[in-house]
Amino acid sequence: QEHFGFLVDWKLIGPFDNTDKSGFDVAYGPESDLASKSKYRG
């Protein structure tokens, strides 16, 4: 991990909708609001 420089500590959230690959271009909440305590509708 250290030799290659991998980032290993993350905050993760999901799932948001990607039905029919529709979610790739949808700016869900985390894209504008990175507050780690925020909650979203997924």
Full PDB file with SEQRES, HELIX, SHEET, SSBOND, CRYST1, ORIGX, SCALE, CONECT and MASTER records, all heavy atoms in Angstrom:
SEQRES   1 A   42  GLN GLU HIS PHE GLY PHE LEU VAL ASP TRP LYS LEU ILE          
SEQRES   2 A   42  GLY PRO PHE ASP ASN THR ASP LYS SER GLY PHE ASP VAL          
SEQRES   3 A   42  ALA TYR GLY PRO GLU SER ASP LEU ALA SER LYS SER LYS          
SEQRES   4 A   42  TYR ARG GLY                                                  
HELIX    1 AA1 THR A   19  LYS A   21  5                                   3    
HELIX    2 AA2 GLY A   29  GLU A   31  5                                   3    
CRYST1    1.000    1.000    1.000  90.00  90.00  90.00 P 1           1          
ORIGX1      1.000000  0.000000  0.000000        0.00000                         
ORIGX2      0.000000  1.000000  0.000000        0.00000                         
ORIGX3      0.000000  0.000000  1.000000        0.00000                         
SCALE1      1.000000  0.000000  0.000000        0.00000                         
SCALE2      0.000000  1.000000  0.000000        0.00000                         
SCALE3      0.000000  0.000000  1.000000        0.00000                         
ATOM      1  N   GLN A   1       0.840  -1.198   0.000  1.00  0.00           N  
ATOM      2  CA  GLN A   1       0.000   0.000   0.000  1.00  0.00           C  
ATOM      3  C   GLN A   1       0.876   1.249   0.000  1.00  0.00           C  
ATOM      4  O   GLN A   1       0.649   2.191  -0.776  1.00  0.00           O  
ATOM      5  CB  GLN A   1      -0.907   0.007   1.220  1.00  0.00           C  
ATOM      6  CG  GLN A   1      -2.010  -1.030   1.216  1.00  0.00           C  
ATOM      7  CD  GLN A   1      -2.883  -0.934   2.461  1.00  0.00           C  
ATOM      8  OE1 GLN A   1      -2.531  -0.258   3.428  1.00  0.00           O  
ATOM      9  NE2 GLN A   1      -4.027  -1.596   2.446  1.00  0.00           N  
ATOM     10  N   GLU A   2       1.862   1.259   0.862  1.00  0.00           N  
ATOM     11  CA  GLU A   2       2.745   2.424   0.975  1.00  0.00           C  
ATOM     12  C   GLU A   2       3.673   2.535  -0.217  1.00  0.00           C  
ATOM     13  O   GLU A   2       3.930   3.629  -0.719  1.00  0.00           O  
ATOM     14  CB  GLU A   2       3.560   2.320   2.268  1.00  0.00           C  
ATOM     15  CG  GLU A   2       4.423   3.534   2.556  1.00  0.00           C  
ATOM     16  CD  GLU A   2       5.092   3.458   3.913  1.00  0.00           C  
ATOM     17  OE1 GLU A   2       4.378   3.576   4.922  1.00  0.00           O  
ATOM     18  OE2 GLU A   2       6.330   3.252   3.959  1.00  0.00           O  
ATOM     19  N   HIS A   3       4.182   1.402  -0.688  1.00  0.00           N  
ATOM     20  CA  HIS A   3       5.118   1.445  -1.819  1.00  0.00           C  
ATOM     21  C   HIS A   3       4.481   2.085  -3.041  1.00  0.00           C  
ATOM     22  O   HIS A   3       5.116   2.875  -3.747  1.00  0.00           O  
ATOM     23  CB  HIS A   3       5.599   0.039  -2.170  1.00  0.00           C  
ATOM     24  CG  HIS A   3       6.529   0.019  -3.348  1.00  0.00           C  
ATOM     25  ND1 HIS A   3       7.862   0.351  -3.256  1.00  0.00           N  
ATOM     26  CD2 HIS A   3       6.305  -0.246  -4.672  1.00  0.00           C  
ATOM     27  CE1 HIS A   3       8.426   0.281  -4.451  1.00  0.00           C  
ATOM     28  NE2 HIS A   3       7.496  -0.075  -5.326  1.00  0.00           N  
ATOM     29  N   PHE A   4       3.224   1.752  -3.308  1.00  0.00           N  
ATOM     30  CA  PHE A   4       2.554   2.284  -4.494  1.00  0.00           C  
ATOM     31  C   PHE A   4       1.808   3.590  -4.232  1.00  0.00           C  
ATOM     32  O   PHE A   4       1.428   4.285  -5.163  1.00  0.00           O  
ATOM     33  CB  PHE A   4       1.577   1.250  -5.056  1.00  0.00           C  
ATOM     34  CG  PHE A   4       2.231   0.131  -5.809  1.00  0.00           C  
ATOM     35  CD1 PHE A   4       2.164  -1.173  -5.348  1.00  0.00           C  
ATOM     36  CD2 PHE A   4       2.927   0.378  -6.981  1.00  0.00           C  
ATOM     37  CE1 PHE A   4       2.764  -2.214  -6.051  1.00  0.00           C  
ATOM     38  CE2 PHE A   4       3.527  -0.654  -7.697  1.00  0.00           C  
ATOM     39  CZ  PHE A   4       3.449  -1.954  -7.224  1.00  0.00           C  
ATOM     40  N   GLY A   5       1.557   3.923  -2.965  1.00  0.00           N  
ATOM     41  CA  GLY A   5       0.847   5.156  -2.656  1.00  0.00           C  
ATOM     42  C   GLY A   5      -0.665   5.041  -2.732  1.00  0.00           C  
ATOM     43  O   GLY A   5      -1.352   6.015  -3.071  1.00  0.00           O  
ATOM     44  N   PHE A   6      -1.206   3.860  -2.399  1.00  0.00           N  
ATOM     45  CA  PHE A   6      -2.660   3.689  -2.418  1.00  0.00           C  
ATOM     46  C   PHE A   6      -3.306   4.456  -1.272  1.00  0.00           C  
ATOM     47  O   PHE A   6      -2.791   4.490  -0.148  1.00  0.00           O  
ATOM     48  CB  PHE A   6      -3.029   2.211  -2.297  1.00  0.00           C  
ATOM     49  CG  PHE A   6      -2.798   1.423  -3.557  1.00  0.00           C  
ATOM     50  CD1 PHE A   6      -1.756   0.514  -3.644  1.00  0.00           C  
ATOM     51  CD2 PHE A   6      -3.620   1.606  -4.660  1.00  0.00           C  
ATOM     52  CE1 PHE A   6      -1.538  -0.209  -4.807  1.00  0.00           C  
ATOM     53  CE2 PHE A   6      -3.405   0.898  -5.830  1.00  0.00           C  
ATOM     54  CZ  PHE A   6      -2.361  -0.014  -5.903  1.00  0.00           C  
ATOM     55  N   LEU A   7      -4.443   5.074  -1.552  1.00  0.00           N  
ATOM     56  CA  LEU A   7      -5.249   5.704  -0.514  1.00  0.00           C  
ATOM     57  C   LEU A   7      -6.170   4.631   0.056  1.00  0.00           C  
ATOM     58  O   LEU A   7      -6.869   3.941  -0.688  1.00  0.00           O  
ATOM     59  CB  LEU A   7      -6.058   6.863  -1.085  1.00  0.00           C  
ATOM     60  CG  LEU A   7      -5.252   7.979  -1.767  1.00  0.00           C  
ATOM     61  CD1 LEU A   7      -6.157   9.144  -2.133  1.00  0.00           C  
ATOM     62  CD2 LEU A   7      -4.102   8.452  -0.893  1.00  0.00           C  
ATOM     63  N   VAL A   8      -6.173   4.497   1.366  1.00  0.00           N  
ATOM     64  CA  VAL A   8      -6.871   3.366   1.988  1.00  0.00           C  
ATOM     65  C   VAL A   8      -7.968   3.773   2.954  1.00  0.00           C  
ATOM     66  O   VAL A   8      -8.808   2.944   3.320  1.00  0.00           O  
ATOM     67  CB  VAL A   8      -5.864   2.439   2.708  1.00  0.00           C  
ATOM     68  CG1 VAL A   8      -4.871   1.859   1.708  1.00  0.00           C  
ATOM     69  CG2 VAL A   8      -5.127   3.183   3.819  1.00  0.00           C  
ATOM     70  N   ASP A   9      -8.006   5.033   3.397  1.00  0.00           N  
ATOM     71  CA  ASP A   9      -9.018   5.491   4.357  1.00  0.00           C  
ATOM     72  C   ASP A   9     -10.067   6.330   3.639  1.00  0.00           C  
ATOM     73  O   ASP A   9      -9.751   7.406   3.104  1.00  0.00           O  
ATOM     74  CB  ASP A   9      -8.367   6.305   5.479  1.00  0.00           C  
ATOM     75  CG  ASP A   9      -7.392   5.475   6.295  1.00  0.00           C  
ATOM     76  OD1 ASP A   9      -7.737   4.311   6.605  1.00  0.00           O  
ATOM     77  OD2 ASP A   9      -6.295   5.973   6.621  1.00  0.00           O  
ATOM     78  N   TRP A  10     -11.319   5.852   3.644  1.00  0.00           N  
ATOM     79  CA  TRP A  10     -12.369   6.470   2.856  1.00  0.00           C  
ATOM     80  C   TRP A  10     -13.648   6.643   3.655  1.00  0.00           C  
ATOM     81  O   TRP A  10     -13.920   5.882   4.576  1.00  0.00           O  
ATOM     82  CB  TRP A  10     -12.690   5.600   1.631  1.00  0.00           C  
ATOM     83  CG  TRP A  10     -11.578   5.486   0.646  1.00  0.00           C  
ATOM     84  CD1 TRP A  10     -10.635   4.499   0.586  1.00  0.00           C  
ATOM     85  CD2 TRP A  10     -11.290   6.379  -0.431  1.00  0.00           C  
ATOM     86  NE1 TRP A  10      -9.770   4.720  -0.458  1.00  0.00           N  
ATOM     87  CE2 TRP A  10     -10.144   5.877  -1.094  1.00  0.00           C  
ATOM     88  CE3 TRP A  10     -11.882   7.559  -0.900  1.00  0.00           C  
ATOM     89  CZ2 TRP A  10      -9.603   6.511  -2.205  1.00  0.00           C  
ATOM     90  CZ3 TRP A  10     -11.329   8.193  -1.995  1.00  0.00           C  
ATOM     91  CH2 TRP A  10     -10.208   7.665  -2.638  1.00  0.00           C  
ATOM     92  N   LYS A  11     -14.450   7.617   3.252  1.00  0.00           N  
ATOM     93  CA  LYS A  11     -15.852   7.715   3.625  1.00  0.00           C  
ATOM     94  C   LYS A  11     -16.648   7.329   2.380  1.00  0.00           C  
ATOM     95  O   LYS A  11     -16.399   7.854   1.285  1.00  0.00           O  
ATOM     96  CB  LYS A  11     -16.211   9.133   4.076  1.00  0.00           C  
ATOM     97  CG  LYS A  11     -15.625   9.515   5.428  1.00  0.00           C  
ATOM     98  CD  LYS A  11     -16.098  10.897   5.820  1.00  0.00           C  
ATOM     99  CE  LYS A  11     -15.683  11.238   7.251  1.00  0.00           C  
ATOM    100  NZ  LYS A  11     -14.226  11.417   7.388  1.00  0.00           N  
ATOM    101  N   LEU A  12     -17.584   6.399   2.530  1.00  0.00           N  
ATOM    102  CA  LEU A  12     -18.321   5.846   1.398  1.00  0.00           C  
ATOM    103  C   LEU A  12     -19.813   6.063   1.595  1.00  0.00           C  
ATOM    104  O   LEU A  12     -20.308   6.034   2.728  1.00  0.00           O  
ATOM    105  CB  LEU A  12     -18.041   4.346   1.278  1.00  0.00           C  
ATOM    106  CG  LEU A  12     -16.569   3.937   1.217  1.00  0.00           C  
ATOM    107  CD1 LEU A  12     -16.425   2.436   1.397  1.00  0.00           C  
ATOM    108  CD2 LEU A  12     -15.946   4.380  -0.101  1.00  0.00           C  
ATOM    109  N   ILE A  13     -20.505   6.259   0.468  1.00  0.00           N  
ATOM    110  CA  ILE A  13     -21.958   6.415   0.554  1.00  0.00           C  
ATOM    111  C   ILE A  13     -22.607   5.898  -0.730  1.00  0.00           C  
ATOM    112  O   ILE A  13     -22.079   6.068  -1.831  1.00  0.00           O  
ATOM    113  CB  ILE A  13     -22.347   7.893   0.817  1.00  0.00           C  
ATOM    114  CG1 ILE A  13     -23.798   8.000   1.248  1.00  0.00           C  
ATOM    115  CG2 ILE A  13     -22.048   8.775  -0.385  1.00  0.00           C  
ATOM    116  CD1 ILE A  13     -24.169   9.365   1.827  1.00  0.00           C  
ATOM    117  N   GLY A  14     -23.762   5.258  -0.587  1.00  0.00           N  
ATOM    118  CA  GLY A  14     -24.519   4.732  -1.714  1.00  0.00           C  
ATOM    119  C   GLY A  14     -25.489   3.668  -1.224  1.00  0.00           C  
ATOM    120  O   GLY A  14     -25.492   3.310  -0.042  1.00  0.00           O  
ATOM    121  N   PRO A  15     -26.396   3.189  -2.072  1.00  0.00           N  
ATOM    122  CA  PRO A  15     -26.411   3.427  -3.520  1.00  0.00           C  
ATOM    123  C   PRO A  15     -27.348   4.562  -3.931  1.00  0.00           C  
ATOM    124  O   PRO A  15     -28.431   4.718  -3.377  1.00  0.00           O  
ATOM    125  CB  PRO A  15     -26.950   2.104  -4.052  1.00  0.00           C  
ATOM    126  CG  PRO A  15     -27.928   1.666  -2.983  1.00  0.00           C  
ATOM    127  CD  PRO A  15     -27.325   2.115  -1.677  1.00  0.00           C  
ATOM    128  N   PHE A  16     -26.903   5.332  -4.930  1.00  0.00           N  
ATOM    129  CA  PHE A  16     -27.775   6.238  -5.662  1.00  0.00           C  
ATOM    130  C   PHE A  16     -28.165   5.545  -6.967  1.00  0.00           C  
ATOM    131  O   PHE A  16     -27.584   4.525  -7.345  1.00  0.00           O  
ATOM    132  CB  PHE A  16     -27.053   7.559  -5.947  1.00  0.00           C  
ATOM    133  CG  PHE A  16     -26.678   8.323  -4.701  1.00  0.00           C  
ATOM    134  CD1 PHE A  16     -25.462   8.093  -4.071  1.00  0.00           C  
ATOM    135  CD2 PHE A  16     -27.534   9.263  -4.162  1.00  0.00           C  
ATOM    136  CE1 PHE A  16     -25.106   8.789  -2.916  1.00  0.00           C  
ATOM    137  CE2 PHE A  16     -27.202   9.968  -3.011  1.00  0.00           C  
ATOM    138  CZ  PHE A  16     -25.979   9.721  -2.388  1.00  0.00           C  
ATOM    139  N   ASP A  17     -29.135   6.096  -7.662  1.00  0.00           N  
ATOM    140  CA  ASP A  17     -29.710   5.395  -8.814  1.00  0.00           C  
ATOM    141  C   ASP A  17     -28.844   5.502 -10.068  1.00  0.00           C  
ATOM    142  O   ASP A  17     -28.374   6.588 -10.425  1.00  0.00           O  
ATOM    143  CB  ASP A  17     -31.113   5.950  -9.112  1.00  0.00           C  
ATOM    144  CG  ASP A  17     -31.828   5.115 -10.158  1.00  0.00           C  
ATOM    145  OD1 ASP A  17     -31.695   3.880 -10.125  1.00  0.00           O  
ATOM    146  OD2 ASP A  17     -32.509   5.705 -11.016  1.00  0.00           O  
ATOM    147  N   ASN A  18     -28.640   4.348 -10.725  1.00  0.00           N  
ATOM    148  CA  ASN A  18     -27.966   4.313 -12.022  1.00  0.00           C  
ATOM    149  C   ASN A  18     -28.715   3.383 -12.978  1.00  0.00           C  
ATOM    150  O   ASN A  18     -28.114   2.728 -13.823  1.00  0.00           O  
ATOM    151  CB  ASN A  18     -26.513   3.848 -11.869  1.00  0.00           C  
ATOM    152  CG  ASN A  18     -25.698   4.065 -13.136  1.00  0.00           C  
ATOM    153  OD1 ASN A  18     -25.852   5.080 -13.815  1.00  0.00           O  
ATOM    154  ND2 ASN A  18     -24.828   3.118 -13.456  1.00  0.00           N  
ATOM    155  N   THR A  19     -30.028   3.341 -12.840  1.00  0.00           N  
ATOM    156  CA  THR A  19     -30.854   2.521 -13.724  1.00  0.00           C  
ATOM    157  C   THR A  19     -30.642   2.947 -15.177  1.00  0.00           C  
ATOM    158  O   THR A  19     -30.649   4.147 -15.491  1.00  0.00           O  
ATOM    159  CB  THR A  19     -32.347   2.669 -13.366  1.00  0.00           C  
ATOM    160  OG1 THR A  19     -32.527   2.283 -11.999  1.00  0.00           O  
ATOM    161  CG2 THR A  19     -33.205   1.790 -14.260  1.00  0.00           C  
ATOM    162  N   ASP A  20     -30.412   1.975 -16.045  1.00  0.00           N  
ATOM    163  CA  ASP A  20     -30.150   2.245 -17.470  1.00  0.00           C  
ATOM    164  C   ASP A  20     -28.960   3.186 -17.651  1.00  0.00           C  
ATOM    165  O   ASP A  20     -28.922   3.994 -18.588  1.00  0.00           O  
ATOM    166  CB  ASP A  20     -31.388   2.831 -18.149  1.00  0.00           C  
ATOM    167  CG  ASP A  20     -32.552   1.858 -18.171  1.00  0.00           C  
ATOM    168  OD1 ASP A  20     -32.305   0.636 -18.254  1.00  0.00           O  
ATOM    169  OD2 ASP A  20     -33.711   2.313 -18.089  1.00  0.00           O  
ATOM    170  N   LYS A  21     -28.009   3.114 -16.733  1.00  0.00           N  
ATOM    171  CA  LYS A  21     -26.791   3.937 -16.786  1.00  0.00           C  
ATOM    172  C   LYS A  21     -27.106   5.430 -16.740  1.00  0.00           C  
ATOM    173  O   LYS A  21     -26.347   6.257 -17.255  1.00  0.00           O  
ATOM    174  CB  LYS A  21     -25.966   3.614 -18.036  1.00  0.00           C  
ATOM    175  CG  LYS A  21     -25.587   2.154 -18.185  1.00  0.00           C  
ATOM    176  CD  LYS A  21     -24.812   1.929 -19.482  1.00  0.00           C  
ATOM    177  CE  LYS A  21     -24.539   0.445 -19.708  1.00  0.00           C  
ATOM    178  NZ  LYS A  21     -23.828   0.215 -20.990  1.00  0.00           N  
ATOM    179  N   SER A  22     -28.207   5.772 -16.098  1.00  0.00           N  
ATOM    180  CA  SER A  22     -28.661   7.168 -16.094  1.00  0.00           C  
ATOM    181  C   SER A  22     -27.952   8.034 -15.063  1.00  0.00           C  
ATOM    182  O   SER A  22     -28.044   9.264 -15.110  1.00  0.00           O  
ATOM    183  CB  SER A  22     -30.170   7.203 -15.817  1.00  0.00           C  
ATOM    184  OG  SER A  22     -30.454   6.625 -14.534  1.00  0.00           O  
ATOM    185  N   GLY A  23     -27.247   7.421 -14.110  1.00  0.00           N  
ATOM    186  CA  GLY A  23     -26.694   8.190 -13.002  1.00  0.00           C  
ATOM    187  C   GLY A  23     -25.324   8.775 -13.211  1.00  0.00           C  
ATOM    188  O   GLY A  23     -24.871   9.603 -12.415  1.00  0.00           O  
ATOM    189  N   PHE A  24     -24.645   8.378 -14.293  1.00  0.00           N  
ATOM    190  CA  PHE A  24     -23.270   8.843 -14.491  1.00  0.00           C  
ATOM    191  C   PHE A  24     -23.197  10.363 -14.577  1.00  0.00           C  
ATOM    192  O   PHE A  24     -22.274  10.986 -14.050  1.00  0.00           O  
ATOM    193  CB  PHE A  24     -22.686   8.211 -15.757  1.00  0.00           C  
ATOM    194  CG  PHE A  24     -21.233   8.518 -15.984  1.00  0.00           C  
ATOM    195  CD1 PHE A  24     -20.248   7.843 -15.279  1.00  0.00           C  
ATOM    196  CD2 PHE A  24     -20.841   9.478 -16.909  1.00  0.00           C  
ATOM    197  CE1 PHE A  24     -18.902   8.122 -15.477  1.00  0.00           C  
ATOM    198  CE2 PHE A  24     -19.498   9.765 -17.124  1.00  0.00           C  
ATOM    199  CZ  PHE A  24     -18.526   9.083 -16.403  1.00  0.00           C  
ATOM    200  N   ASP A  25     -24.173  10.971 -15.251  1.00  0.00           N  
ATOM    201  CA  ASP A  25     -24.161  12.424 -15.428  1.00  0.00           C  
ATOM    202  C   ASP A  25     -25.072  13.165 -14.453  1.00  0.00           C  
ATOM    203  O   ASP A  25     -25.263  14.379 -14.582  1.00  0.00           O  
ATOM    204  CB  ASP A  25     -24.573  12.774 -16.865  1.00  0.00           C  
ATOM    205  CG  ASP A  25     -23.510  12.374 -17.880  1.00  0.00           C  
ATOM    206  OD1 ASP A  25     -22.312  12.564 -17.581  1.00  0.00           O  
ATOM    207  OD2 ASP A  25     -23.871  11.858 -18.954  1.00  0.00           O  
ATOM    208  N   VAL A  26     -25.634  12.456 -13.490  1.00  0.00           N  
ATOM    209  CA  VAL A  26     -26.488  13.099 -12.487  1.00  0.00           C  
ATOM    210  C   VAL A  26     -25.617  13.540 -11.314  1.00  0.00           C  
ATOM    211  O   VAL A  26     -24.871  12.744 -10.737  1.00  0.00           O  
ATOM    212  CB  VAL A  26     -27.581  12.142 -11.987  1.00  0.00           C  
ATOM    213  CG1 VAL A  26     -28.398  12.811 -10.878  1.00  0.00           C  
ATOM    214  CG2 VAL A  26     -28.490  11.733 -13.143  1.00  0.00           C  
ATOM    215  N   ALA A  27     -25.698  14.811 -10.966  1.00  0.00           N  
ATOM    216  CA  ALA A  27     -24.898  15.344  -9.850  1.00  0.00           C  
ATOM    217  C   ALA A  27     -25.647  15.118  -8.545  1.00  0.00           C  
ATOM    218  O   ALA A  27     -26.382  15.989  -8.072  1.00  0.00           O  
ATOM    219  CB  ALA A  27     -24.610  16.827 -10.071  1.00  0.00           C  
ATOM    220  N   TYR A  28     -25.481  13.949  -7.972  1.00  0.00           N  
ATOM    221  CA  TYR A  28     -26.099  13.666  -6.679  1.00  0.00           C  
ATOM    222  C   TYR A  28     -25.432  14.507  -5.586  1.00  0.00           C  
ATOM    223  O   TYR A  28     -24.363  15.092  -5.793  1.00  0.00           O  
ATOM    224  CB  TYR A  28     -25.996  12.176  -6.359  1.00  0.00           C  
ATOM    225  CG  TYR A  28     -26.821  11.302  -7.278  1.00  0.00           C  
ATOM    226  CD1 TYR A  28     -26.222  10.432  -8.193  1.00  0.00           C  
ATOM    227  CD2 TYR A  28     -28.210  11.339  -7.233  1.00  0.00           C  
ATOM    228  CE1 TYR A  28     -26.980   9.628  -9.033  1.00  0.00           C  
ATOM    229  CE2 TYR A  28     -28.983  10.533  -8.070  1.00  0.00           C  
ATOM    230  CZ  TYR A  28     -28.356   9.696  -8.971  1.00  0.00           C  
ATOM    231  OH  TYR A  28     -29.116   8.912  -9.811  1.00  0.00           O  
ATOM    232  N   GLY A  29     -26.076  14.533  -4.421  1.00  0.00           N  
ATOM    233  CA  GLY A  29     -25.661  15.415  -3.342  1.00  0.00           C  
ATOM    234  C   GLY A  29     -24.181  15.478  -3.025  1.00  0.00           C  
ATOM    235  O   GLY A  29     -23.621  16.574  -2.855  1.00  0.00           O  
ATOM    236  N   PRO A  30     -23.475  14.346  -2.934  1.00  0.00           N  
ATOM    237  CA  PRO A  30     -22.059  14.413  -2.577  1.00  0.00           C  
ATOM    238  C   PRO A  30     -21.193  15.228  -3.528  1.00  0.00           C  
ATOM    239  O   PRO A  30     -20.105  15.674  -3.159  1.00  0.00           O  
ATOM    240  CB  PRO A  30     -21.639  12.941  -2.592  1.00  0.00           C  
ATOM    241  CG  PRO A  30     -22.893  12.198  -2.251  1.00  0.00           C  
ATOM    242  CD  PRO A  30     -23.980  12.962  -2.960  1.00  0.00           C  
ATOM    243  N   GLU A  31     -21.657  15.450  -4.751  1.00  0.00           N  
ATOM    244  CA  GLU A  31     -20.847  16.207  -5.699  1.00  0.00           C  
ATOM    245  C   GLU A  31     -20.813  17.696  -5.371  1.00  0.00           C  
ATOM    246  O   GLU A  31     -19.921  18.423  -5.822  1.00  0.00           O  
ATOM    247  CB  GLU A  31     -21.361  15.989  -7.124  1.00  0.00           C  
ATOM    248  CG  GLU A  31     -21.148  14.562  -7.600  1.00  0.00           C  
ATOM    249  CD  GLU A  31     -21.595  14.343  -9.035  1.00  0.00           C  
ATOM    250  OE1 GLU A  31     -21.529  15.301  -9.837  1.00  0.00           O  
ATOM    251  OE2 GLU A  31     -22.000  13.204  -9.355  1.00  0.00           O  
ATOM    252  N   SER A  32     -21.783  18.160  -4.569  1.00  0.00           N  
ATOM    253  CA  SER A  32     -21.795  19.575  -4.204  1.00  0.00           C  
ATOM    254  C   SER A  32     -21.717  19.792  -2.705  1.00  0.00           C  
ATOM    255  O   SER A  32     -21.445  20.900  -2.245  1.00  0.00           O  
ATOM    256  CB  SER A  32     -23.061  20.252  -4.747  1.00  0.00           C  
ATOM    257  OG  SER A  32     -24.217  19.595  -4.247  1.00  0.00           O  
ATOM    258  N   ASP A  33     -21.942  18.721  -1.949  1.00  0.00           N  
ATOM    259  CA  ASP A  33     -21.969  18.845  -0.492  1.00  0.00           C  
ATOM    260  C   ASP A  33     -21.177  17.695   0.106  1.00  0.00           C  
ATOM    261  O   ASP A  33     -21.652  16.567   0.178  1.00  0.00           O  
ATOM    262  CB  ASP A  33     -23.420  18.802   0.004  1.00  0.00           C  
ATOM    263  CG  ASP A  33     -23.498  18.802   1.523  1.00  0.00           C  
ATOM    264  OD1 ASP A  33     -22.496  19.146   2.167  1.00  0.00           O  
ATOM    265  OD2 ASP A  33     -24.565  18.449   2.048  1.00  0.00           O  
ATOM    266  N   LEU A  34     -19.957  17.992   0.543  1.00  0.00           N  
ATOM    267  CA  LEU A  34     -19.083  16.940   1.038  1.00  0.00           C  
ATOM    268  C   LEU A  34     -19.066  16.852   2.559  1.00  0.00           C  
ATOM    269  O   LEU A  34     -18.193  16.224   3.132  1.00  0.00           O  
ATOM    270  CB  LEU A  34     -17.649  17.174   0.536  1.00  0.00           C  
ATOM    271  CG  LEU A  34     -17.440  16.913  -0.955  1.00  0.00           C  
ATOM    272  CD1 LEU A  34     -16.028  17.280  -1.363  1.00  0.00           C  
ATOM    273  CD2 LEU A  34     -17.718  15.453  -1.280  1.00  0.00           C  
ATOM    274  N   ALA A  35     -20.005  17.473   3.226  1.00  0.00           N  
ATOM    275  CA  ALA A  35     -20.054  17.385   4.690  1.00  0.00           C  
ATOM    276  C   ALA A  35     -20.257  15.929   5.090  1.00  0.00           C  
ATOM    277  O   ALA A  35     -21.224  15.296   4.690  1.00  0.00           O  
ATOM    278  CB  ALA A  35     -21.185  18.241   5.239  1.00  0.00           C  
ATOM    279  N   SER A  36     -19.339  15.404   5.870  1.00  0.00           N  
ATOM    280  CA  SER A  36     -19.340  13.967   6.155  1.00  0.00           C  
ATOM    281  C   SER A  36     -20.545  13.518   6.974  1.00  0.00           C  
ATOM    282  O   SER A  36     -20.840  12.340   7.038  1.00  0.00           O  
ATOM    283  CB  SER A  36     -18.057  13.584   6.903  1.00  0.00           C  
ATOM    284  OG  SER A  36     -17.982  14.272   8.135  1.00  0.00           O  
ATOM    285  N   LYS A  37     -21.263  14.467   7.591  1.00  0.00           N  
ATOM    286  CA  LYS A  37     -22.425  14.096   8.383  1.00  0.00           C  
ATOM    287  C   LYS A  37     -23.726  14.246   7.596  1.00  0.00           C  
ATOM    288  O   LYS A  37     -24.811  13.965   8.112  1.00  0.00           O  
ATOM    289  CB  LYS A  37     -22.485  14.940   9.658  1.00  0.00           C  
ATOM    290  CG  LYS A  37     -21.336  14.674  10.623  1.00  0.00           C  
ATOM    291  CD  LYS A  37     -21.471  15.489  11.901  1.00  0.00           C  
ATOM    292  CE  LYS A  37     -20.307  15.209  12.848  1.00  0.00           C  
ATOM    293  NZ  LYS A  37     -20.411  16.013  14.105  1.00  0.00           N  
ATOM    294  N   SER A  38     -23.633  14.692   6.362  1.00  0.00           N  
ATOM    295  CA  SER A  38     -24.843  14.893   5.567  1.00  0.00           C  
ATOM    296  C   SER A  38     -25.519  13.569   5.257  1.00  0.00           C  
ATOM    297  O   SER A  38     -24.872  12.531   5.117  1.00  0.00           O  
ATOM    298  CB  SER A  38     -24.506  15.595   4.254  1.00  0.00           C  
ATOM    299  OG  SER A  38     -24.075  16.909   4.488  1.00  0.00           O  
ATOM    300  N   LYS A  39     -26.834  13.601   5.119  1.00  0.00           N  
ATOM    301  CA  LYS A  39     -27.611  12.448   4.706  1.00  0.00           C  
ATOM    302  C   LYS A  39     -28.305  12.783   3.400  1.00  0.00           C  
ATOM    303  O   LYS A  39     -28.631  13.939   3.129  1.00  0.00           O  
ATOM    304  CB  LYS A  39     -28.626  12.068   5.786  1.00  0.00           C  
ATOM    305  CG  LYS A  39     -27.976  11.586   7.087  1.00  0.00           C  
ATOM    306  CD  LYS A  39     -29.013  11.121   8.101  1.00  0.00           C  
ATOM    307  CE  LYS A  39     -28.332  10.605   9.362  1.00  0.00           C  
ATOM    308  NZ  LYS A  39     -29.312  10.117  10.374  1.00  0.00           N  
ATOM    309  N   TYR A  40     -28.552  11.768   2.590  1.00  0.00           N  
ATOM    310  CA  TYR A  40     -29.138  11.968   1.278  1.00  0.00           C  
ATOM    311  C   TYR A  40     -30.206  10.922   1.023  1.00  0.00           C  
ATOM    312  O   TYR A  40     -30.236   9.865   1.660  1.00  0.00           O  
ATOM    313  CB  TYR A  40     -28.067  11.858   0.179  1.00  0.00           C  
ATOM    314  CG  TYR A  40     -26.848  12.724   0.406  1.00  0.00           C  
ATOM    315  CD1 TYR A  40     -25.714  12.197   1.015  1.00  0.00           C  
ATOM    316  CD2 TYR A  40     -26.822  14.045  -0.006  1.00  0.00           C  
ATOM    317  CE1 TYR A  40     -24.579  12.984   1.215  1.00  0.00           C  
ATOM    318  CE2 TYR A  40     -25.705  14.844   0.190  1.00  0.00           C  
ATOM    319  CZ  TYR A  40     -24.587  14.303   0.802  1.00  0.00           C  
ATOM    320  OH  TYR A  40     -23.480  15.073   1.004  1.00  0.00           O  
ATOM    321  N   ARG A  41     -31.057  11.214   0.044  1.00  0.00           N  
ATOM    322  CA  ARG A  41     -32.007  10.237  -0.441  1.00  0.00           C  
ATOM    323  C   ARG A  41     -31.385   9.524  -1.638  1.00  0.00           C  
ATOM    324  O   ARG A  41     -30.977  10.157  -2.606  1.00  0.00           O  
ATOM    325  CB  ARG A  41     -33.323  10.904  -0.842  1.00  0.00           C  
ATOM    326  CG  ARG A  41     -34.131  11.397   0.349  1.00  0.00           C  
ATOM    327  CD  ARG A  41     -34.637  10.227   1.183  1.00  0.00           C  
ATOM    328  NE  ARG A  41     -35.239  10.685   2.443  1.00  0.00           N  
ATOM    329  CZ  ARG A  41     -35.711   9.870   3.375  1.00  0.00           C  
ATOM    330  NH1 ARG A  41     -35.634   8.557   3.190  1.00  0.00           N  
ATOM    331  NH2 ARG A  41     -36.222  10.358   4.481  1.00  0.00           N  
ATOM    332  N   GLY A  42     -31.305   8.206  -1.539  1.00  0.00           N  
ATOM    333  CA  GLY A  42     -30.663   7.434  -2.579  1.00  0.00           C  
ATOM    334  C   GLY A  42     -31.629   6.591  -3.372  1.00  0.00           C  
ATOM    335  O   GLY A  42     -32.815   6.918  -3.499  1.00  0.00           O  
TER     336      GLY A  42                                                      
MASTER        0    0    0    2    0    0    0    6  335    1    0    4          
END                                                                             
